């Protein structure tokens, strides 16, 4: 169980790192006219993801570690993290935990975005199933999956609408650079 607690702690630290990147990218986007869309579901998303980590620990306390399941699910968790950070790297400053779009910018079509419109959400779904199952927390995996499916339906709809609107706009002028004298 100590390993699982450490794993959940590592995922929590990873989430905090995402928030740091997101905040930095938010400032970058706002300097370029970026606007937020679909804010209404964001607080619920935050609570859901915090709840996932807490529920994993609570349920795992009463569950056995089954090596064949646990180790295979750990591989899926690691692959989900790789996919997530690949998405973050490919999107660069355009990646955010919020839906922030800058009018006129083209869609990113490289990296995992060559094949999928929303590959980061594939990582979220995989992690939502696999992370609880590392320590046999199947109720958490099932509940998170169902609730997250509803959330992703709302989020992807909001994101698609925001991107369609932004694509129709004229790109903003680049921000004026301060000249040091």
N, C-alpha and C. Protein backbone atom coordinates (compact mmCIF):
# COMPACT_ATOMS: atom_id res chain seq x y z
N UNK A 1 0.83 -1.21 0.00
CA UNK A 1 0.00 0.00 0.00
C UNK A 1 0.87 1.26 0.00
N UNK A 2 2.04 1.21 0.61
CA UNK A 2 2.91 2.39 0.66
C UNK A 2 3.31 2.82 -0.76
N UNK A 3 3.57 1.84 -1.63
CA UNK A 3 3.90 2.17 -3.01
C UNK A 3 2.73 2.89 -3.69
N UNK A 4 1.51 2.44 -3.42
CA UNK A 4 0.34 3.05 -4.04
C UNK A 4 0.13 4.47 -3.53
N UNK A 5 0.33 4.68 -2.25
CA UNK A 5 0.23 6.03 -1.69
C UNK A 5 1.26 6.94 -2.36
N UNK A 6 2.47 6.42 -2.56
CA UNK A 6 3.51 7.20 -3.24
C UNK A 6 3.12 7.48 -4.69
N UNK A 7 2.52 6.51 -5.36
CA UNK A 7 2.08 6.71 -6.74
C UNK A 7 1.01 7.80 -6.81
N UNK A 8 0.03 7.75 -5.92
CA UNK A 8 -1.01 8.77 -5.90
C UNK A 8 -0.38 10.13 -5.59
N UNK A 9 0.58 10.16 -4.68
CA UNK A 9 1.29 11.41 -4.39
C UNK A 9 2.02 11.94 -5.60
N UNK A 10 2.66 11.04 -6.36
CA UNK A 10 3.37 11.45 -7.57
C UNK A 10 2.40 12.02 -8.61
N UNK A 11 1.24 11.40 -8.75
CA UNK A 11 0.23 11.91 -9.68
C UNK A 11 -0.26 13.28 -9.21
N UNK A 12 -0.42 13.46 -7.91
CA UNK A 12 -0.85 14.76 -7.38
C UNK A 12 0.21 15.83 -7.69
N UNK A 13 1.47 15.50 -7.53
CA UNK A 13 2.55 16.44 -7.86
C UNK A 13 2.53 16.75 -9.36
N UNK A 14 2.28 15.73 -10.17
CA UNK A 14 2.19 15.93 -11.62
C UNK A 14 1.06 16.89 -11.94
N UNK A 15 -0.07 16.76 -11.26
CA UNK A 15 -1.21 17.67 -11.47
C UNK A 15 -0.83 19.10 -11.10
N UNK A 16 -0.09 19.26 -10.02
CA UNK A 16 0.36 20.60 -9.63
C UNK A 16 1.30 21.17 -10.70
N UNK A 17 2.15 20.34 -11.27
CA UNK A 17 3.03 20.80 -12.36
C UNK A 17 2.20 21.24 -13.56
N UNK A 18 1.14 20.50 -13.86
CA UNK A 18 0.24 20.90 -14.95
C UNK A 18 -0.35 22.28 -14.68
N UNK A 19 -0.76 22.52 -13.44
CA UNK A 19 -1.35 23.81 -13.10
C UNK A 19 -0.35 24.95 -13.25
N UNK A 20 0.91 24.70 -12.94
CA UNK A 20 1.95 25.72 -13.12
C UNK A 20 2.11 26.02 -14.61
N UNK A 21 2.19 24.99 -15.42
CA UNK A 21 2.32 25.17 -16.87
C UNK A 21 1.08 25.89 -17.40
N UNK A 22 -0.09 25.47 -16.93
CA UNK A 22 -1.34 26.07 -17.38
C UNK A 22 -1.40 27.56 -17.06
N UNK A 23 -0.99 27.92 -15.86
CA UNK A 23 -1.02 29.33 -15.46
C UNK A 23 -0.07 30.16 -16.32
N UNK A 24 1.12 29.63 -16.58
CA UNK A 24 2.08 30.32 -17.44
C UNK A 24 1.50 30.48 -18.85
N UNK A 25 0.90 29.40 -19.36
CA UNK A 25 0.33 29.45 -20.70
C UNK A 25 -0.89 30.36 -20.79
N UNK A 26 -1.64 30.47 -19.70
CA UNK A 26 -2.78 31.38 -19.67
C UNK A 26 -2.30 32.82 -19.86
N UNK A 27 -1.23 33.19 -19.18
CA UNK A 27 -0.69 34.55 -19.33
C UNK A 27 -0.23 34.78 -20.77
N UNK A 28 0.44 33.79 -21.36
CA UNK A 28 0.89 33.88 -22.75
C UNK A 28 -0.30 34.09 -23.68
N UNK A 29 -1.36 33.29 -23.49
CA UNK A 29 -2.53 33.37 -24.36
C UNK A 29 -3.27 34.70 -24.20
N UNK A 30 -3.40 35.17 -22.97
CA UNK A 30 -4.11 36.44 -22.76
C UNK A 30 -3.37 37.61 -23.38
N UNK A 31 -2.04 37.54 -23.39
CA UNK A 31 -1.26 38.60 -24.06
C UNK A 31 -1.54 38.62 -25.55
N UNK A 32 -2.02 37.53 -26.09
CA UNK A 32 -2.29 37.42 -27.52
C UNK A 32 -3.79 37.43 -27.82
N UNK A 33 -4.58 37.88 -26.87
CA UNK A 33 -6.02 37.99 -27.08
C UNK A 33 -6.80 36.72 -26.79
N UNK A 34 -6.20 35.76 -26.12
CA UNK A 34 -6.89 34.51 -25.79
C UNK A 34 -8.08 34.75 -24.89
N UNK A 35 -9.14 34.01 -25.18
CA UNK A 35 -10.37 34.11 -24.40
C UNK A 35 -10.73 32.74 -23.85
N UNK A 36 -11.30 32.74 -22.66
CA UNK A 36 -11.73 31.49 -22.03
C UNK A 36 -13.16 31.17 -22.42
N UNK A 37 -13.39 29.88 -22.65
CA UNK A 37 -14.72 29.38 -23.00
C UNK A 37 -15.06 28.23 -22.06
N UNK A 38 -16.34 27.99 -21.86
CA UNK A 38 -16.79 26.83 -21.10
C UNK A 38 -16.34 26.80 -19.66
N UNK A 39 -16.25 27.96 -19.03
CA UNK A 39 -15.74 28.00 -17.65
C UNK A 39 -16.64 27.27 -16.67
N UNK A 40 -17.91 27.18 -16.94
CA UNK A 40 -18.87 26.63 -15.98
C UNK A 40 -18.55 25.24 -15.49
N UNK A 41 -17.97 24.41 -16.34
CA UNK A 41 -17.68 23.03 -15.93
C UNK A 41 -16.30 22.88 -15.27
N UNK A 42 -15.46 23.89 -15.36
CA UNK A 42 -14.08 23.77 -14.88
C UNK A 42 -13.99 23.45 -13.38
N UNK A 43 -14.72 24.14 -12.51
CA UNK A 43 -14.63 23.79 -11.08
C UNK A 43 -15.05 22.34 -10.80
N UNK A 44 -16.06 21.87 -11.51
CA UNK A 44 -16.48 20.48 -11.34
C UNK A 44 -15.37 19.53 -11.77
N UNK A 45 -14.68 19.87 -12.86
CA UNK A 45 -13.58 19.04 -13.34
C UNK A 45 -12.46 18.96 -12.29
N UNK A 46 -12.15 20.08 -11.68
CA UNK A 46 -11.12 20.10 -10.64
C UNK A 46 -11.52 19.20 -9.47
N UNK A 47 -12.75 19.33 -9.02
CA UNK A 47 -13.25 18.51 -7.91
C UNK A 47 -13.23 17.03 -8.29
N UNK A 48 -13.63 16.72 -9.52
CA UNK A 48 -13.64 15.32 -9.97
C UNK A 48 -12.24 14.72 -9.95
N UNK A 49 -11.26 15.46 -10.40
CA UNK A 49 -9.90 14.93 -10.46
C UNK A 49 -9.27 14.82 -9.07
N UNK A 50 -9.56 15.75 -8.20
CA UNK A 50 -9.10 15.62 -6.81
C UNK A 50 -9.81 14.43 -6.16
N UNK A 51 -11.10 14.31 -6.43
CA UNK A 51 -11.87 13.19 -5.90
C UNK A 51 -11.35 11.85 -6.36
N UNK A 52 -10.88 11.77 -7.60
CA UNK A 52 -10.30 10.53 -8.10
C UNK A 52 -9.13 10.09 -7.22
N UNK A 53 -8.24 11.00 -6.93
CA UNK A 53 -7.06 10.65 -6.13
C UNK A 53 -7.46 10.25 -4.71
N UNK A 54 -8.37 11.00 -4.11
CA UNK A 54 -8.82 10.67 -2.76
C UNK A 54 -9.55 9.33 -2.73
N UNK A 55 -10.42 9.10 -3.71
CA UNK A 55 -11.17 7.84 -3.75
C UNK A 55 -10.25 6.65 -3.99
N UNK A 56 -9.23 6.83 -4.79
CA UNK A 56 -8.25 5.75 -5.00
C UNK A 56 -7.66 5.31 -3.67
N UNK A 57 -7.24 6.27 -2.87
CA UNK A 57 -6.63 5.94 -1.58
C UNK A 57 -7.64 5.32 -0.63
N UNK A 58 -8.83 5.88 -0.59
CA UNK A 58 -9.85 5.37 0.34
C UNK A 58 -10.24 3.94 0.00
N UNK A 59 -10.50 3.69 -1.27
CA UNK A 59 -10.93 2.33 -1.65
C UNK A 59 -9.79 1.34 -1.59
N UNK A 60 -8.61 1.74 -1.96
CA UNK A 60 -7.47 0.81 -1.97
C UNK A 60 -7.11 0.33 -0.58
N UNK A 61 -7.46 1.11 0.44
CA UNK A 61 -7.15 0.70 1.81
C UNK A 61 -7.81 -0.63 2.16
N UNK A 62 -8.92 -0.96 1.50
CA UNK A 62 -9.64 -2.20 1.76
C UNK A 62 -9.51 -3.22 0.63
N UNK A 63 -8.60 -3.00 -0.27
CA UNK A 63 -8.46 -3.89 -1.43
C UNK A 63 -7.07 -4.53 -1.45
N UNK A 64 -7.00 -5.73 -1.98
CA UNK A 64 -5.69 -6.38 -2.11
C UNK A 64 -4.97 -5.86 -3.36
N UNK A 65 -3.67 -5.97 -3.35
CA UNK A 65 -2.89 -5.70 -4.56
C UNK A 65 -2.81 -7.02 -5.32
N UNK A 66 -3.30 -7.01 -6.54
CA UNK A 66 -3.23 -8.20 -7.40
C UNK A 66 -2.15 -7.93 -8.44
N UNK A 67 -1.00 -8.60 -8.32
CA UNK A 67 0.15 -8.26 -9.17
C UNK A 67 -0.14 -8.19 -10.67
N UNK A 68 -0.82 -9.17 -11.23
CA UNK A 68 -1.04 -9.15 -12.69
C UNK A 68 -1.85 -7.92 -13.10
N UNK A 69 -2.87 -7.59 -12.33
CA UNK A 69 -3.67 -6.40 -12.61
C UNK A 69 -2.89 -5.13 -12.29
N UNK A 70 -2.32 -5.09 -11.11
CA UNK A 70 -1.64 -3.88 -10.65
C UNK A 70 -0.49 -3.45 -11.53
N UNK A 71 0.38 -4.38 -11.89
CA UNK A 71 1.54 -4.00 -12.70
C UNK A 71 1.13 -3.62 -14.12
N UNK A 72 0.15 -4.34 -14.68
CA UNK A 72 -0.28 -3.98 -16.03
C UNK A 72 -0.96 -2.61 -16.04
N UNK A 73 -1.74 -2.31 -15.01
CA UNK A 73 -2.38 -1.00 -14.94
C UNK A 73 -1.36 0.11 -14.68
N UNK A 74 -0.30 -0.20 -13.95
CA UNK A 74 0.76 0.79 -13.75
C UNK A 74 1.40 1.16 -15.09
N UNK A 75 1.58 0.19 -15.96
CA UNK A 75 2.11 0.47 -17.29
C UNK A 75 1.17 1.42 -18.04
N UNK A 76 -0.14 1.18 -17.94
CA UNK A 76 -1.12 2.05 -18.60
C UNK A 76 -1.06 3.46 -18.01
N UNK A 77 -0.91 3.57 -16.69
CA UNK A 77 -0.80 4.89 -16.05
C UNK A 77 0.42 5.63 -16.60
N UNK A 78 1.54 4.95 -16.69
CA UNK A 78 2.76 5.58 -17.20
C UNK A 78 2.57 6.00 -18.66
N UNK A 79 1.97 5.13 -19.47
CA UNK A 79 1.72 5.48 -20.87
C UNK A 79 0.77 6.67 -20.99
N UNK A 80 -0.22 6.75 -20.11
CA UNK A 80 -1.13 7.89 -20.11
C UNK A 80 -0.37 9.18 -19.80
N UNK A 81 0.57 9.11 -18.86
CA UNK A 81 1.37 10.30 -18.53
C UNK A 81 2.25 10.70 -19.71
N UNK A 82 2.82 9.71 -20.39
CA UNK A 82 3.65 10.00 -21.57
C UNK A 82 2.80 10.70 -22.63
N UNK A 83 1.61 10.17 -22.89
CA UNK A 83 0.72 10.79 -23.87
C UNK A 83 0.34 12.20 -23.45
N UNK A 84 0.00 12.38 -22.17
CA UNK A 84 -0.39 13.71 -21.68
C UNK A 84 0.74 14.72 -21.90
N UNK A 85 1.97 14.37 -21.53
CA UNK A 85 3.07 15.31 -21.66
C UNK A 85 3.51 15.48 -23.11
N UNK A 86 3.25 14.48 -23.94
CA UNK A 86 3.47 14.65 -25.38
C UNK A 86 2.52 15.72 -25.90
N UNK A 87 1.26 15.65 -25.50
CA UNK A 87 0.28 16.66 -25.88
C UNK A 87 0.70 18.05 -25.41
N UNK A 88 1.12 18.14 -24.17
CA UNK A 88 1.55 19.42 -23.61
C UNK A 88 2.74 19.96 -24.40
N UNK A 89 3.68 19.09 -24.71
CA UNK A 89 4.86 19.52 -25.47
C UNK A 89 4.52 19.97 -26.88
N UNK A 90 3.65 19.25 -27.55
CA UNK A 90 3.28 19.59 -28.92
C UNK A 90 2.49 20.90 -28.96
N UNK A 91 1.57 21.08 -28.04
CA UNK A 91 0.78 22.32 -28.03
C UNK A 91 1.59 23.51 -27.52
N UNK A 92 2.63 23.23 -26.75
CA UNK A 92 3.45 24.32 -26.23
C UNK A 92 2.61 25.29 -25.42
N UNK A 93 2.79 26.59 -25.65
CA UNK A 93 2.07 27.57 -24.84
C UNK A 93 0.56 27.60 -25.10
N UNK A 94 0.11 26.87 -26.10
CA UNK A 94 -1.34 26.82 -26.38
C UNK A 94 -2.05 25.79 -25.50
N UNK A 95 -1.31 24.93 -24.80
CA UNK A 95 -1.93 23.93 -23.93
C UNK A 95 -2.41 24.60 -22.64
N UNK A 96 -3.56 24.16 -22.15
CA UNK A 96 -4.07 24.70 -20.89
C UNK A 96 -5.06 23.73 -20.28
N UNK A 97 -5.21 23.79 -18.96
CA UNK A 97 -6.26 22.99 -18.32
C UNK A 97 -7.62 23.61 -18.54
N UNK A 98 -7.63 24.87 -18.89
CA UNK A 98 -8.86 25.58 -19.21
C UNK A 98 -9.03 25.60 -20.73
N UNK A 99 -10.18 26.01 -21.21
CA UNK A 99 -10.39 26.15 -22.65
C UNK A 99 -10.09 27.60 -22.99
N UNK A 100 -8.90 27.84 -23.50
CA UNK A 100 -8.44 29.17 -23.88
C UNK A 100 -8.08 29.12 -25.36
N UNK A 101 -8.69 29.96 -26.15
CA UNK A 101 -8.37 29.97 -27.57
C UNK A 101 -7.99 31.38 -28.02
N UNK A 102 -7.14 31.41 -29.01
CA UNK A 102 -6.70 32.66 -29.62
C UNK A 102 -7.25 32.67 -31.03
N UNK A 103 -8.04 33.66 -31.34
CA UNK A 103 -8.68 33.74 -32.65
C UNK A 103 -7.69 33.69 -33.80
N UNK A 104 -8.06 32.93 -34.83
CA UNK A 104 -7.29 32.90 -36.06
C UNK A 104 -6.13 31.92 -36.10
N UNK A 105 -5.75 31.35 -34.98
CA UNK A 105 -4.65 30.39 -35.01
C UNK A 105 -5.14 29.06 -35.58
N UNK A 106 -4.33 28.42 -36.43
CA UNK A 106 -4.75 27.15 -37.00
C UNK A 106 -4.69 26.04 -35.95
N UNK A 107 -5.43 24.96 -36.21
CA UNK A 107 -5.35 23.80 -35.33
C UNK A 107 -3.97 23.18 -35.41
N UNK A 108 -3.53 22.62 -34.32
CA UNK A 108 -2.27 21.88 -34.31
C UNK A 108 -2.55 20.51 -34.91
N UNK A 109 -1.73 20.11 -35.86
CA UNK A 109 -1.94 18.84 -36.55
C UNK A 109 -0.68 18.00 -36.60
N UNK A 110 0.12 18.07 -35.55
CA UNK A 110 1.33 17.24 -35.47
C UNK A 110 1.30 16.46 -34.17
N UNK A 111 2.27 15.61 -33.98
CA UNK A 111 2.29 14.78 -32.78
C UNK A 111 1.03 13.92 -32.73
N UNK A 112 0.48 13.71 -31.56
CA UNK A 112 -0.72 12.86 -31.47
C UNK A 112 -1.95 13.50 -32.11
N UNK A 113 -1.88 14.81 -32.38
CA UNK A 113 -2.99 15.51 -33.02
C UNK A 113 -3.10 15.17 -34.51
N UNK A 114 -2.11 14.44 -35.06
CA UNK A 114 -2.22 13.95 -36.43
C UNK A 114 -3.34 12.92 -36.53
N UNK A 115 -3.55 12.18 -35.45
CA UNK A 115 -4.49 11.06 -35.47
C UNK A 115 -5.78 11.34 -34.70
N UNK A 116 -5.70 12.17 -33.67
CA UNK A 116 -6.85 12.40 -32.80
C UNK A 116 -7.05 13.90 -32.59
N UNK A 117 -8.29 14.31 -32.48
CA UNK A 117 -8.57 15.72 -32.23
C UNK A 117 -8.30 16.09 -30.77
N UNK A 118 -8.53 15.14 -29.85
CA UNK A 118 -8.38 15.41 -28.42
C UNK A 118 -7.58 14.29 -27.73
N UNK A 119 -6.31 14.11 -28.08
CA UNK A 119 -5.56 13.00 -27.49
C UNK A 119 -5.33 13.13 -25.98
N UNK A 120 -5.32 14.34 -25.46
CA UNK A 120 -5.14 14.50 -24.02
C UNK A 120 -6.28 13.84 -23.24
N UNK A 121 -7.48 13.86 -23.82
CA UNK A 121 -8.61 13.23 -23.14
C UNK A 121 -8.52 11.71 -23.17
N UNK A 122 -7.82 11.17 -24.17
CA UNK A 122 -7.53 9.73 -24.17
C UNK A 122 -6.66 9.41 -22.96
N UNK A 123 -5.68 10.26 -22.70
CA UNK A 123 -4.82 10.07 -21.53
C UNK A 123 -5.63 10.14 -20.24
N UNK A 124 -6.55 11.08 -20.16
CA UNK A 124 -7.40 11.22 -18.97
C UNK A 124 -8.25 9.97 -18.75
N UNK A 125 -8.85 9.47 -19.83
CA UNK A 125 -9.69 8.28 -19.72
C UNK A 125 -8.87 7.07 -19.30
N UNK A 126 -7.72 6.88 -19.94
CA UNK A 126 -6.86 5.75 -19.59
C UNK A 126 -6.42 5.82 -18.13
N UNK A 127 -6.00 6.98 -17.71
CA UNK A 127 -5.56 7.14 -16.33
C UNK A 127 -6.72 6.93 -15.35
N UNK A 128 -7.90 7.43 -15.69
CA UNK A 128 -9.06 7.29 -14.81
C UNK A 128 -9.46 5.85 -14.57
N UNK A 129 -9.20 5.00 -15.53
CA UNK A 129 -9.46 3.57 -15.37
C UNK A 129 -8.28 2.90 -14.68
N UNK A 130 -7.09 3.16 -15.17
CA UNK A 130 -5.91 2.40 -14.73
C UNK A 130 -5.41 2.77 -13.35
N UNK A 131 -5.41 4.05 -13.01
CA UNK A 131 -4.86 4.45 -11.71
C UNK A 131 -5.57 3.77 -10.54
N UNK A 132 -6.89 3.75 -10.50
CA UNK A 132 -7.55 3.02 -9.41
C UNK A 132 -7.27 1.52 -9.45
N UNK A 133 -7.20 0.96 -10.65
CA UNK A 133 -7.02 -0.49 -10.76
C UNK A 133 -5.61 -0.96 -10.41
N UNK A 134 -4.67 -0.03 -10.31
CA UNK A 134 -3.33 -0.44 -9.85
C UNK A 134 -3.45 -1.13 -8.49
N UNK A 135 -4.39 -0.67 -7.68
CA UNK A 135 -4.59 -1.30 -6.37
C UNK A 135 -6.03 -1.79 -6.20
N UNK A 136 -6.61 -2.29 -7.30
CA UNK A 136 -7.91 -2.97 -7.31
C UNK A 136 -9.08 -2.11 -6.87
N UNK A 137 -8.99 -0.81 -7.03
CA UNK A 137 -10.09 0.08 -6.65
C UNK A 137 -11.08 0.17 -7.81
N UNK A 138 -11.78 -0.91 -8.06
CA UNK A 138 -12.65 -1.00 -9.23
C UNK A 138 -13.89 -0.12 -9.12
N UNK A 139 -14.39 0.12 -7.93
CA UNK A 139 -15.55 1.01 -7.79
C UNK A 139 -15.17 2.43 -8.19
N UNK A 140 -14.00 2.87 -7.75
CA UNK A 140 -13.51 4.20 -8.12
C UNK A 140 -13.32 4.28 -9.63
N UNK A 141 -12.73 3.26 -10.22
CA UNK A 141 -12.51 3.26 -11.67
C UNK A 141 -13.84 3.38 -12.41
N UNK A 142 -14.83 2.60 -11.99
CA UNK A 142 -16.14 2.62 -12.66
C UNK A 142 -16.85 3.95 -12.47
N UNK A 143 -16.89 4.45 -11.24
CA UNK A 143 -17.59 5.72 -10.96
C UNK A 143 -16.92 6.89 -11.68
N UNK A 144 -15.60 6.96 -11.61
CA UNK A 144 -14.89 8.05 -12.29
C UNK A 144 -15.15 7.99 -13.79
N UNK A 145 -15.11 6.79 -14.35
CA UNK A 145 -15.30 6.64 -15.79
C UNK A 145 -16.67 7.15 -16.23
N UNK A 146 -17.70 6.81 -15.48
CA UNK A 146 -19.06 7.22 -15.83
C UNK A 146 -19.20 8.75 -15.70
N UNK A 147 -18.78 9.30 -14.57
CA UNK A 147 -18.92 10.74 -14.35
C UNK A 147 -18.03 11.51 -15.32
N UNK A 148 -16.82 11.02 -15.54
CA UNK A 148 -15.91 11.69 -16.46
C UNK A 148 -16.44 11.66 -17.89
N UNK A 149 -17.13 10.61 -18.29
CA UNK A 149 -17.72 10.55 -19.63
C UNK A 149 -18.70 11.70 -19.83
N UNK A 150 -19.53 11.96 -18.83
CA UNK A 150 -20.45 13.09 -18.91
C UNK A 150 -19.73 14.42 -18.97
N UNK A 151 -18.71 14.56 -18.15
CA UNK A 151 -17.92 15.79 -18.14
C UNK A 151 -17.22 15.99 -19.48
N UNK A 152 -16.62 14.94 -20.01
CA UNK A 152 -15.92 15.08 -21.29
C UNK A 152 -16.87 15.42 -22.44
N UNK A 153 -18.08 14.93 -22.35
CA UNK A 153 -19.07 15.27 -23.37
C UNK A 153 -19.30 16.79 -23.38
N UNK A 154 -19.45 17.36 -22.20
CA UNK A 154 -19.65 18.81 -22.08
C UNK A 154 -18.38 19.56 -22.50
N UNK A 155 -17.25 19.11 -22.00
CA UNK A 155 -15.98 19.80 -22.25
C UNK A 155 -15.60 19.75 -23.73
N UNK A 156 -15.68 18.59 -24.34
CA UNK A 156 -15.29 18.48 -25.75
C UNK A 156 -16.24 19.30 -26.63
N UNK A 157 -17.50 19.32 -26.29
CA UNK A 157 -18.46 20.15 -27.04
C UNK A 157 -18.08 21.63 -26.92
N UNK A 158 -17.77 22.07 -25.71
CA UNK A 158 -17.37 23.47 -25.49
C UNK A 158 -16.06 23.78 -26.21
N UNK A 159 -15.13 22.85 -26.16
CA UNK A 159 -13.83 23.07 -26.80
C UNK A 159 -13.97 23.11 -28.32
N UNK A 160 -14.76 22.21 -28.88
CA UNK A 160 -14.97 22.21 -30.34
C UNK A 160 -15.64 23.51 -30.79
N UNK A 161 -16.63 23.97 -30.05
CA UNK A 161 -17.31 25.22 -30.40
C UNK A 161 -16.34 26.40 -30.32
N UNK A 162 -15.52 26.43 -29.29
CA UNK A 162 -14.56 27.53 -29.12
C UNK A 162 -13.52 27.51 -30.24
N UNK A 163 -13.05 26.32 -30.58
CA UNK A 163 -12.05 26.23 -31.66
C UNK A 163 -12.65 26.63 -33.01
N UNK A 164 -13.89 26.23 -33.28
CA UNK A 164 -14.54 26.60 -34.53
C UNK A 164 -14.70 28.11 -34.63
N UNK A 165 -15.10 28.73 -33.53
CA UNK A 165 -15.24 30.19 -33.51
C UNK A 165 -13.89 30.86 -33.71
N UNK A 166 -12.86 30.36 -33.04
CA UNK A 166 -11.53 30.96 -33.14
C UNK A 166 -10.94 30.81 -34.54
N UNK A 167 -11.19 29.67 -35.19
CA UNK A 167 -10.67 29.46 -36.54
C UNK A 167 -11.27 30.45 -37.54
N UNK A 168 -12.49 30.89 -37.28
CA UNK A 168 -13.17 31.82 -38.18
C UNK A 168 -12.70 33.26 -38.01
N UNK A 169 -11.96 33.52 -36.96
CA UNK A 169 -11.51 34.89 -36.67
C UNK A 169 -10.18 35.18 -37.35
N UNK A 170 -9.87 36.47 -37.47
CA UNK A 170 -8.59 36.91 -37.99
C UNK A 170 -7.55 36.76 -36.89
N UNK A 171 -6.37 36.27 -37.23
CA UNK A 171 -5.33 36.15 -36.20
C UNK A 171 -4.99 37.52 -35.60
N UNK A 172 -4.72 37.54 -34.29
CA UNK A 172 -4.34 38.82 -33.66
C UNK A 172 -2.93 39.22 -34.07
N UNK A 173 -2.67 40.51 -33.96
CA UNK A 173 -1.31 40.99 -34.19
C UNK A 173 -0.44 40.48 -33.04
N UNK A 174 0.82 40.15 -33.31
CA UNK A 174 1.68 39.71 -32.23
C UNK A 174 1.86 40.82 -31.20
N UNK A 175 2.06 40.45 -29.94
CA UNK A 175 2.23 41.49 -28.91
C UNK A 175 3.48 42.32 -29.18
N UNK A 176 3.36 43.59 -28.85
CA UNK A 176 4.52 44.47 -29.02
C UNK A 176 5.61 44.07 -28.04
N UNK A 177 6.82 44.00 -28.56
CA UNK A 177 7.96 43.64 -27.73
C UNK A 177 8.52 44.93 -27.11
N UNK A 178 8.92 44.83 -25.88
CA UNK A 178 9.53 45.96 -25.21
C UNK A 178 10.98 46.03 -25.64
N UNK A 179 11.40 47.19 -26.10
CA UNK A 179 12.78 47.38 -26.56
C UNK A 179 13.59 47.92 -25.38
N UNK A 180 14.61 47.19 -25.03
CA UNK A 180 15.50 47.65 -23.94
C UNK A 180 16.47 48.68 -24.48
N UNK A 181 16.62 49.77 -23.75
CA UNK A 181 17.55 50.82 -24.22
C UNK A 181 18.64 51.02 -23.23
